[in-house]
Amino acid sequence: MEKTEYISKSPFETWEIAEALAKKLSLGDLLLLTGELGSGKTQFVKGLAKGLGIREWMYVVSPSFTLVNVYEGGNFPLFHVDLYRISEKEVDELFIEEMLEEGIVVVEWAEKINWPSFKMRISFEVVGETERKITVENYGTI
């Protein structure tokens, strides 16, 4: 496992960090995002979408109520999953494994489940009004 920490002082910097990471991802990668409300998880997903070549990346929003948002337009789809409002038992009904066959899956509130395998765990910590600590634990090869 490789661990890297970043300090982001703005949403723009968060987008840049995620955009750089996105260029190293491939079909079937699963990214797990953890952190409190307002810590930058959805901003990070915007940056991933940009890095994957999704033209409408600025329109990425939290799927808190829809549970899954799909963004297309890059080399493959980006599936943005939010587990905030569901129980562990309901996760199977989202068909995440099938999503991995078609694209990249990013899961917010991933700490709600024990995941058998994944590419990266990315945690977000609020350290100031606009400052965030982003810790990327890479379990795959980049």
N, C-alpha and C. Protein backbone atom coordinates (compact mmCIF):
# COMPACT_ATOMS: atom_id res chain seq x y z
N MET A 1 0.83 -1.18 0.00
CA MET A 1 0.00 0.00 0.00
C MET A 1 0.88 1.25 0.00
N GLU A 2 0.50 2.20 -0.81
CA GLU A 2 1.17 3.49 -0.89
C GLU A 2 0.23 4.54 -0.34
N LYS A 3 0.73 5.42 0.53
CA LYS A 3 -0.11 6.44 1.16
C LYS A 3 0.46 7.82 0.84
N THR A 4 -0.42 8.71 0.33
CA THR A 4 -0.02 10.07 0.00
C THR A 4 -1.01 11.04 0.62
N GLU A 5 -0.50 12.12 1.21
CA GLU A 5 -1.37 13.14 1.80
C GLU A 5 -1.24 14.44 1.02
N TYR A 6 -2.37 15.10 0.84
CA TYR A 6 -2.43 16.39 0.16
C TYR A 6 -3.16 17.37 1.07
N ILE A 7 -2.81 18.63 0.96
CA ILE A 7 -3.57 19.70 1.59
C ILE A 7 -4.16 20.53 0.47
N SER A 8 -5.49 20.64 0.48
CA SER A 8 -6.20 21.45 -0.50
C SER A 8 -6.73 22.68 0.21
N LYS A 9 -6.50 23.84 -0.39
CA LYS A 9 -6.97 25.08 0.21
C LYS A 9 -8.19 25.65 -0.50
N SER A 10 -8.70 24.90 -1.49
CA SER A 10 -9.88 25.39 -2.22
C SER A 10 -10.48 24.24 -3.03
N PRO A 11 -11.73 24.39 -3.47
CA PRO A 11 -12.30 23.38 -4.36
C PRO A 11 -11.46 23.21 -5.63
N PHE A 12 -10.92 24.31 -6.15
CA PHE A 12 -10.08 24.25 -7.34
C PHE A 12 -8.89 23.31 -7.12
N GLU A 13 -8.22 23.44 -5.98
CA GLU A 13 -7.07 22.57 -5.68
C GLU A 13 -7.52 21.11 -5.53
N THR A 14 -8.69 20.90 -4.94
CA THR A 14 -9.23 19.54 -4.82
C THR A 14 -9.47 18.95 -6.20
N TRP A 15 -10.03 19.75 -7.11
CA TRP A 15 -10.24 19.28 -8.49
C TRP A 15 -8.92 18.89 -9.13
N GLU A 16 -7.89 19.70 -8.93
CA GLU A 16 -6.58 19.40 -9.54
C GLU A 16 -5.99 18.10 -9.02
N ILE A 17 -6.10 17.87 -7.72
CA ILE A 17 -5.58 16.63 -7.13
C ILE A 17 -6.29 15.43 -7.74
N ALA A 18 -7.62 15.51 -7.80
CA ALA A 18 -8.42 14.41 -8.33
C ALA A 18 -8.18 14.22 -9.83
N GLU A 19 -8.06 15.32 -10.55
CA GLU A 19 -7.82 15.23 -11.99
C GLU A 19 -6.52 14.48 -12.28
N ALA A 20 -5.49 14.77 -11.53
CA ALA A 20 -4.20 14.07 -11.70
C ALA A 20 -4.34 12.58 -11.40
N LEU A 21 -5.07 12.24 -10.34
CA LEU A 21 -5.28 10.82 -10.01
C LEU A 21 -6.11 10.12 -11.08
N ALA A 22 -7.09 10.80 -11.63
CA ALA A 22 -7.99 10.20 -12.63
C ALA A 22 -7.23 9.71 -13.85
N LYS A 23 -6.20 10.41 -14.21
CA LYS A 23 -5.43 10.04 -15.41
C LYS A 23 -4.71 8.70 -15.24
N LYS A 24 -4.67 8.20 -14.00
CA LYS A 24 -3.99 6.93 -13.72
C LYS A 24 -4.97 5.78 -13.48
N LEU A 25 -6.26 6.05 -13.62
CA LEU A 25 -7.27 5.03 -13.37
C LEU A 25 -7.61 4.25 -14.64
N SER A 26 -8.19 3.09 -14.43
CA SER A 26 -8.60 2.28 -15.58
C SER A 26 -9.93 1.58 -15.30
N LEU A 27 -10.50 1.04 -16.34
CA LEU A 27 -11.78 0.35 -16.26
C LEU A 27 -11.79 -0.64 -15.11
N GLY A 28 -12.86 -0.61 -14.30
CA GLY A 28 -13.01 -1.56 -13.21
C GLY A 28 -12.42 -1.11 -11.89
N ASP A 29 -11.88 0.10 -11.83
CA ASP A 29 -11.33 0.59 -10.56
C ASP A 29 -12.44 1.06 -9.63
N LEU A 30 -12.27 0.72 -8.36
CA LEU A 30 -13.21 1.11 -7.30
C LEU A 30 -12.48 2.02 -6.34
N LEU A 31 -13.03 3.22 -6.11
CA LEU A 31 -12.46 4.18 -5.19
C LEU A 31 -13.45 4.41 -4.06
N LEU A 32 -12.94 4.33 -2.83
CA LEU A 32 -13.77 4.48 -1.64
C LEU A 32 -13.46 5.82 -0.98
N LEU A 33 -14.48 6.66 -0.81
CA LEU A 33 -14.30 7.97 -0.21
C LEU A 33 -14.92 8.00 1.18
N THR A 34 -14.17 8.52 2.14
CA THR A 34 -14.66 8.63 3.51
C THR A 34 -14.40 10.04 4.03
N GLY A 35 -15.26 10.49 4.92
CA GLY A 35 -15.08 11.81 5.52
C GLY A 35 -16.43 12.41 5.85
N GLU A 36 -16.41 13.39 6.74
CA GLU A 36 -17.65 13.99 7.21
C GLU A 36 -18.33 14.82 6.12
N LEU A 37 -19.57 15.22 6.38
CA LEU A 37 -20.31 16.09 5.48
C LEU A 37 -19.52 17.37 5.24
N GLY A 38 -19.46 17.82 3.99
CA GLY A 38 -18.79 19.07 3.66
C GLY A 38 -17.28 18.99 3.62
N SER A 39 -16.73 17.79 3.61
CA SER A 39 -15.26 17.66 3.64
C SER A 39 -14.62 17.64 2.26
N GLY A 40 -15.42 17.63 1.18
CA GLY A 40 -14.84 17.73 -0.15
C GLY A 40 -14.97 16.51 -1.04
N LYS A 41 -15.73 15.53 -0.60
CA LYS A 41 -15.84 14.28 -1.38
C LYS A 41 -16.43 14.53 -2.76
N THR A 42 -17.53 15.27 -2.84
CA THR A 42 -18.16 15.51 -4.13
C THR A 42 -17.30 16.42 -5.00
N GLN A 43 -16.61 17.38 -4.41
CA GLN A 43 -15.69 18.21 -5.18
C GLN A 43 -14.59 17.34 -5.80
N PHE A 44 -14.14 16.36 -5.04
CA PHE A 44 -13.13 15.43 -5.53
C PHE A 44 -13.65 14.65 -6.74
N VAL A 45 -14.90 14.21 -6.67
CA VAL A 45 -15.49 13.46 -7.78
C VAL A 45 -15.60 14.35 -9.03
N LYS A 46 -15.86 15.64 -8.84
CA LYS A 46 -15.86 16.56 -9.98
C LYS A 46 -14.50 16.55 -10.67
N GLY A 47 -13.45 16.60 -9.89
CA GLY A 47 -12.10 16.56 -10.45
C GLY A 47 -11.80 15.25 -11.16
N LEU A 48 -12.29 14.15 -10.59
CA LEU A 48 -12.12 12.85 -11.26
C LEU A 48 -12.81 12.87 -12.62
N ALA A 49 -14.04 13.39 -12.65
CA ALA A 49 -14.79 13.45 -13.91
C ALA A 49 -14.03 14.28 -14.93
N LYS A 50 -13.48 15.39 -14.51
CA LYS A 50 -12.69 16.24 -15.42
C LYS A 50 -11.50 15.46 -15.96
N GLY A 51 -10.80 14.79 -15.07
CA GLY A 51 -9.62 14.02 -15.47
C GLY A 51 -9.93 12.85 -16.38
N LEU A 52 -11.16 12.35 -16.30
CA LEU A 52 -11.58 11.24 -17.15
C LEU A 52 -12.12 11.72 -18.50
N GLY A 53 -12.13 13.03 -18.70
CA GLY A 53 -12.57 13.58 -19.97
C GLY A 53 -14.07 13.77 -20.09
N ILE A 54 -14.76 13.83 -18.97
CA ILE A 54 -16.21 14.03 -18.99
C ILE A 54 -16.46 15.54 -19.11
N ARG A 55 -17.04 15.94 -20.22
CA ARG A 55 -17.22 17.37 -20.52
C ARG A 55 -18.09 18.09 -19.49
N GLU A 56 -19.08 17.44 -18.99
CA GLU A 56 -20.03 18.06 -18.05
C GLU A 56 -19.58 17.91 -16.59
N TRP A 57 -18.28 17.85 -16.35
CA TRP A 57 -17.75 17.59 -15.02
C TRP A 57 -18.21 18.62 -13.97
N MET A 58 -18.46 19.84 -14.38
CA MET A 58 -18.90 20.87 -13.43
C MET A 58 -20.30 20.59 -12.88
N TYR A 59 -21.04 19.71 -13.54
CA TYR A 59 -22.40 19.40 -13.11
C TYR A 59 -22.48 18.15 -12.23
N VAL A 60 -21.34 17.64 -11.81
CA VAL A 60 -21.32 16.51 -10.88
C VAL A 60 -21.91 16.99 -9.55
N VAL A 61 -22.90 16.24 -9.07
CA VAL A 61 -23.53 16.55 -7.78
C VAL A 61 -23.60 15.29 -6.93
N SER A 62 -23.78 15.48 -5.65
CA SER A 62 -23.89 14.35 -4.74
C SER A 62 -25.14 13.53 -5.05
N PRO A 63 -24.99 12.22 -5.12
CA PRO A 63 -26.16 11.36 -5.35
C PRO A 63 -26.85 10.93 -4.06
N SER A 64 -26.91 11.82 -3.08
CA SER A 64 -27.50 11.48 -1.78
C SER A 64 -28.92 10.95 -1.90
N PHE A 65 -29.71 11.50 -2.80
CA PHE A 65 -31.10 11.07 -2.93
C PHE A 65 -31.31 10.10 -4.09
N THR A 66 -30.47 10.18 -5.12
CA THR A 66 -30.61 9.27 -6.26
C THR A 66 -29.81 7.98 -6.03
N LEU A 67 -28.89 7.99 -5.10
CA LEU A 67 -27.99 6.90 -4.73
C LEU A 67 -26.87 6.66 -5.74
N VAL A 68 -27.17 6.78 -7.04
CA VAL A 68 -26.14 6.59 -8.07
C VAL A 68 -26.34 7.63 -9.17
N ASN A 69 -25.28 8.34 -9.51
CA ASN A 69 -25.27 9.21 -10.68
C ASN A 69 -24.26 8.63 -11.66
N VAL A 70 -24.59 8.64 -12.93
CA VAL A 70 -23.70 8.12 -13.97
C VAL A 70 -23.30 9.28 -14.87
N TYR A 71 -22.00 9.43 -15.06
CA TYR A 71 -21.47 10.49 -15.92
C TYR A 71 -20.73 9.83 -17.07
N GLU A 72 -21.15 10.18 -18.29
CA GLU A 72 -20.55 9.61 -19.48
C GLU A 72 -19.88 10.70 -20.30
N GLY A 73 -19.10 10.28 -21.26
CA GLY A 73 -18.46 11.24 -22.15
C GLY A 73 -16.95 11.09 -22.16
N GLY A 74 -16.41 10.34 -21.24
CA GLY A 74 -14.99 10.06 -21.23
C GLY A 74 -14.73 8.72 -21.91
N ASN A 75 -13.63 8.10 -21.59
CA ASN A 75 -13.31 6.79 -22.16
C ASN A 75 -14.28 5.72 -21.69
N PHE A 76 -14.81 5.88 -20.49
CA PHE A 76 -15.80 4.97 -19.93
C PHE A 76 -16.58 5.71 -18.87
N PRO A 77 -17.73 5.19 -18.48
CA PRO A 77 -18.58 5.90 -17.51
C PRO A 77 -17.96 5.98 -16.12
N LEU A 78 -18.36 7.04 -15.42
CA LEU A 78 -18.01 7.21 -14.02
C LEU A 78 -19.31 7.04 -13.23
N PHE A 79 -19.33 6.04 -12.35
CA PHE A 79 -20.48 5.77 -11.50
C PHE A 79 -20.18 6.38 -10.13
N HIS A 80 -21.02 7.31 -9.71
CA HIS A 80 -20.85 8.02 -8.44
C HIS A 80 -21.94 7.52 -7.49
N VAL A 81 -21.54 6.80 -6.47
CA VAL A 81 -22.46 6.14 -5.55
C VAL A 81 -22.39 6.82 -4.18
N ASP A 82 -23.53 6.97 -3.52
CA ASP A 82 -23.58 7.56 -2.19
C ASP A 82 -24.33 6.61 -1.26
N LEU A 83 -23.67 6.17 -0.20
CA LEU A 83 -24.27 5.22 0.74
C LEU A 83 -24.84 5.88 1.99
N TYR A 84 -24.86 7.20 2.03
CA TYR A 84 -25.27 7.92 3.23
C TYR A 84 -26.64 7.51 3.74
N ARG A 85 -27.59 7.30 2.86
CA ARG A 85 -28.97 7.06 3.26
C ARG A 85 -29.40 5.59 3.22
N ILE A 86 -28.48 4.68 2.99
CA ILE A 86 -28.89 3.28 2.89
C ILE A 86 -28.14 2.40 3.88
N SER A 87 -28.69 1.22 4.14
CA SER A 87 -28.07 0.29 5.06
C SER A 87 -27.14 -0.65 4.29
N GLU A 88 -26.31 -1.34 5.03
CA GLU A 88 -25.38 -2.29 4.41
C GLU A 88 -26.13 -3.35 3.62
N LYS A 89 -27.27 -3.78 4.11
CA LYS A 89 -28.07 -4.81 3.44
C LYS A 89 -28.54 -4.35 2.06
N GLU A 90 -28.77 -3.05 1.89
CA GLU A 90 -29.30 -2.52 0.64
C GLU A 90 -28.23 -2.31 -0.45
N VAL A 91 -26.98 -2.38 -0.07
CA VAL A 91 -25.89 -2.10 -1.03
C VAL A 91 -25.88 -3.09 -2.19
N ASP A 92 -26.18 -4.35 -1.93
CA ASP A 92 -26.21 -5.35 -3.01
C ASP A 92 -27.19 -4.97 -4.11
N GLU A 93 -28.26 -4.27 -3.74
CA GLU A 93 -29.28 -3.87 -4.71
C GLU A 93 -28.80 -2.78 -5.66
N LEU A 94 -27.63 -2.21 -5.40
CA LEU A 94 -27.08 -1.17 -6.28
C LEU A 94 -26.29 -1.77 -7.45
N PHE A 95 -25.92 -3.04 -7.36
CA PHE A 95 -25.19 -3.75 -8.42
C PHE A 95 -23.85 -3.09 -8.76
N ILE A 96 -23.08 -2.80 -7.73
CA ILE A 96 -21.78 -2.16 -7.91
C ILE A 96 -20.84 -3.02 -8.74
N GLU A 97 -20.87 -4.33 -8.55
CA GLU A 97 -19.99 -5.20 -9.34
C GLU A 97 -20.25 -5.08 -10.83
N GLU A 98 -21.52 -4.94 -11.20
CA GLU A 98 -21.86 -4.77 -12.61
C GLU A 98 -21.37 -3.42 -13.13
N MET A 99 -21.44 -2.40 -12.30
CA MET A 99 -20.94 -1.08 -12.69
C MET A 99 -19.44 -1.14 -12.98
N LEU A 100 -18.71 -1.92 -12.18
CA LEU A 100 -17.26 -2.05 -12.36
C LEU A 100 -16.90 -2.68 -13.70
N GLU A 101 -17.80 -3.47 -14.25
CA GLU A 101 -17.55 -4.08 -15.56
C GLU A 101 -17.63 -3.05 -16.68
N GLU A 102 -18.32 -1.93 -16.42
CA GLU A 102 -18.54 -0.93 -17.45
C GLU A 102 -17.71 0.34 -17.28
N GLY A 103 -17.25 0.63 -16.06
CA GLY A 103 -16.56 1.89 -15.84
C GLY A 103 -15.81 1.92 -14.53
N ILE A 104 -15.67 3.12 -14.00
CA ILE A 104 -15.02 3.36 -12.71
C ILE A 104 -16.13 3.69 -11.71
N VAL A 105 -16.00 3.17 -10.48
CA VAL A 105 -17.00 3.42 -9.45
C VAL A 105 -16.34 4.15 -8.29
N VAL A 106 -16.97 5.26 -7.88
CA VAL A 106 -16.52 6.04 -6.73
C VAL A 106 -17.65 6.02 -5.72
N VAL A 107 -17.35 5.60 -4.49
CA VAL A 107 -18.37 5.44 -3.45
C VAL A 107 -18.12 6.42 -2.31
N GLU A 108 -19.09 7.33 -2.10
CA GLU A 108 -19.05 8.21 -0.92
C GLU A 108 -19.68 7.47 0.26
N TRP A 109 -19.19 7.76 1.46
CA TRP A 109 -19.63 7.13 2.70
C TRP A 109 -19.32 5.63 2.65
N ALA A 110 -18.18 5.30 2.07
CA ALA A 110 -17.77 3.91 1.89
C ALA A 110 -17.50 3.20 3.21
N GLU A 111 -17.30 3.94 4.28
CA GLU A 111 -17.01 3.33 5.59
C GLU A 111 -18.19 2.53 6.13
N LYS A 112 -19.33 2.64 5.51
CA LYS A 112 -20.52 1.92 5.98
C LYS A 112 -20.46 0.43 5.66
N ILE A 113 -19.49 0.02 4.84
CA ILE A 113 -19.39 -1.38 4.41
C ILE A 113 -17.95 -1.86 4.52
N ASN A 114 -17.79 -3.14 4.70
CA ASN A 114 -16.47 -3.77 4.64
C ASN A 114 -16.26 -4.24 3.20
N TRP A 115 -15.33 -3.63 2.49
CA TRP A 115 -15.10 -3.93 1.08
C TRP A 115 -13.99 -4.96 0.93
N PRO A 116 -14.22 -6.04 0.18
CA PRO A 116 -13.19 -7.06 0.02
C PRO A 116 -12.00 -6.61 -0.82
N SER A 117 -12.24 -5.77 -1.82
CA SER A 117 -11.12 -5.28 -2.64
C SER A 117 -11.50 -3.95 -3.27
N PHE A 118 -10.49 -3.13 -3.51
CA PHE A 118 -10.68 -1.82 -4.11
C PHE A 118 -9.33 -1.27 -4.54
N LYS A 119 -9.37 -0.23 -5.35
CA LYS A 119 -8.14 0.40 -5.86
C LYS A 119 -7.57 1.39 -4.86
N MET A 120 -8.42 2.31 -4.38
CA MET A 120 -7.97 3.36 -3.46
C MET A 120 -9.01 3.65 -2.40
N ARG A 121 -8.51 4.00 -1.22
CA ARG A 121 -9.35 4.56 -0.16
C ARG A 121 -8.87 6.00 -0.01
N ILE A 122 -9.80 6.95 -0.12
CA ILE A 122 -9.45 8.36 -0.05
C ILE A 122 -10.24 8.98 1.09
N SER A 123 -9.54 9.50 2.08
CA SER A 123 -10.22 10.10 3.23
C SER A 123 -10.04 11.61 3.22
N PHE A 124 -11.08 12.28 3.71
CA PHE A 124 -11.13 13.74 3.70
C PHE A 124 -11.30 14.23 5.12
N GLU A 125 -10.51 15.23 5.48
CA GLU A 125 -10.59 15.79 6.83
C GLU A 125 -10.63 17.31 6.72
N VAL A 126 -11.58 17.93 7.39
CA VAL A 126 -11.67 19.38 7.44
C VAL A 126 -10.62 19.88 8.43
N VAL A 127 -9.70 20.73 7.96
CA VAL A 127 -8.67 21.27 8.85
C VAL A 127 -8.74 22.79 8.94
N GLY A 128 -9.65 23.39 8.22
CA GLY A 128 -9.85 24.84 8.25
C GLY A 128 -11.10 25.18 7.47
N GLU A 129 -11.45 26.46 7.43
CA GLU A 129 -12.68 26.86 6.75
C GLU A 129 -12.73 26.38 5.30
N THR A 130 -11.62 26.53 4.59
CA THR A 130 -11.58 26.05 3.20
C THR A 130 -10.49 25.00 2.99
N GLU A 131 -9.78 24.65 4.03
CA GLU A 131 -8.65 23.74 3.93
C GLU A 131 -9.06 22.30 4.26
N ARG A 132 -8.61 21.38 3.41
CA ARG A 132 -8.92 19.96 3.59
C ARG A 132 -7.64 19.13 3.49
N LYS A 133 -7.55 18.11 4.32
CA LYS A 133 -6.47 17.13 4.19
C LYS A 133 -7.07 15.93 3.46
N ILE A 134 -6.45 15.57 2.35
CA ILE A 134 -6.91 14.45 1.54
C ILE A 134 -5.83 13.38 1.59
N THR A 135 -6.19 12.22 2.11
CA THR A 135 -5.24 11.11 2.23
C THR A 135 -5.65 10.02 1.26
N VAL A 136 -4.73 9.67 0.37
CA VAL A 136 -4.97 8.64 -0.64
C VAL A 136 -4.16 7.42 -0.28
N GLU A 137 -4.87 6.31 -0.02
CA GLU A 137 -4.21 5.03 0.22
C GLU A 137 -4.43 4.19 -1.03
N ASN A 138 -3.36 3.91 -1.73
CA ASN A 138 -3.43 3.18 -2.99
C ASN A 138 -3.15 1.71 -2.75
N TYR A 139 -4.11 0.87 -3.07
CA TYR A 139 -3.97 -0.56 -2.87
C TYR A 139 -3.72 -1.30 -4.18
N GLY A 140 -3.78 -0.57 -5.28
CA GLY A 140 -3.51 -1.16 -6.59
C GLY A 140 -2.21 -0.58 -7.12
N THR A 141 -1.92 -0.88 -8.34
CA THR A 141 -0.70 -0.34 -8.93
C THR A 141 -1.05 0.85 -9.80
N ILE A 142 -0.40 1.96 -9.53
CA ILE A 142 -0.59 3.16 -10.35
C ILE A 142 0.76 3.54 -10.92
